[in-house]
Amino acid sequence: MADIATALDELDEEEIEHRFTHCDTTAAYGAPLDLDSVLDAFALLSSFYRTAAEATNAVLIRLN
């Protein structure tokens, strides 16, 4: 968890914007996403992993 939290913390807004502008989200989401929504979601994700790491918790991801 700590490694993931650290990796997410190392990505700044400029890097996320750069990656976002080179990504076509239309096929996955049916419409393009806006950058502000992506930045908000990333902040939540980063916070989630940081909190889990600080509590020494694990995260289980189930993919169907």
Protein backbone atom coordinates (compact mmCIF):
# COMPACT_ATOMS: atom_id res chain seq x y z
CA MET A 1 0.00 0.00 0.00
CA ALA A 2 2.74 2.43 0.87
CA ASP A 3 4.37 1.97 -2.54
CA ILE A 4 1.10 2.71 -4.35
CA ALA A 5 0.38 5.73 -2.15
CA THR A 6 3.88 7.08 -2.77
CA ALA A 7 3.61 6.55 -6.53
CA LEU A 8 0.27 8.37 -6.63
CA ASP A 9 1.63 11.22 -4.52
CA GLU A 10 4.49 11.67 -6.99
CA LEU A 11 2.10 12.45 -9.85
CA ASP A 12 1.40 16.16 -9.98
CA GLU A 13 -1.48 17.92 -11.73
CA GLU A 14 0.68 18.77 -14.75
CA GLU A 15 1.58 15.09 -15.30
CA ILE A 16 -2.03 13.98 -14.92
CA GLU A 17 -3.15 16.63 -17.40
CA HIS A 18 -0.45 15.51 -19.86
CA ARG A 19 -1.56 11.88 -19.62
CA PHE A 20 -5.24 12.86 -19.81
CA THR A 21 -4.83 14.83 -23.04
CA HIS A 22 -3.36 11.73 -24.70
CA CYS A 23 -6.20 9.44 -23.62
CA ASP A 24 -9.49 8.89 -25.47
CA THR A 25 -12.10 7.99 -22.86
CA THR A 26 -15.03 7.93 -25.27
CA ALA A 27 -15.01 4.15 -25.83
CA ALA A 28 -14.87 3.36 -22.12
CA TYR A 29 -17.33 5.98 -20.86
CA GLY A 30 -19.46 6.80 -23.90
CA ALA A 31 -18.35 10.42 -23.87
CA PRO A 32 -15.16 12.33 -23.23
CA LEU A 33 -14.38 13.11 -19.60
CA ASP A 34 -13.44 16.60 -18.50
CA LEU A 35 -10.09 17.24 -16.84
CA ASP A 36 -11.60 18.65 -13.64
CA SER A 37 -13.55 15.43 -13.05
CA VAL A 38 -10.41 13.37 -13.60
CA LEU A 39 -8.37 15.53 -11.21
CA ASP A 40 -11.10 15.30 -8.55
CA ALA A 41 -11.30 11.52 -8.91
CA PHE A 42 -7.51 11.22 -8.78
CA ALA A 43 -7.38 13.27 -5.58
CA LEU A 44 -9.94 10.95 -3.98
CA LEU A 45 -8.06 7.85 -5.13
CA SER A 46 -4.75 9.18 -3.88
CA SER A 47 -6.26 10.09 -0.52
CA PHE A 48 -7.87 6.64 -0.22
CA TYR A 49 -4.57 4.83 -0.80
CA ARG A 50 -2.64 7.20 1.48
CA THR A 51 -5.16 6.63 4.30
CA ALA A 52 -5.03 2.86 3.80
CA ALA A 53 -1.23 2.91 3.82
CA GLU A 54 -1.08 4.99 7.00
CA ALA A 55 -3.41 2.50 8.71
CA THR A 56 -1.35 -0.40 7.30
CA ASN A 57 -4.49 -1.73 5.64
CA ALA A 58 -4.71 -3.68 2.42
CA VAL A 59 -6.95 -2.97 -0.56
CA LEU A 60 -8.74 -5.76 -2.36
CA ILE A 61 -9.84 -5.09 -5.93
CA ARG A 62 -12.35 -7.42 -7.54
CA LEU A 63 -12.51 -7.37 -11.33
CA ASN A 64 -15.36 -9.05 -13.16
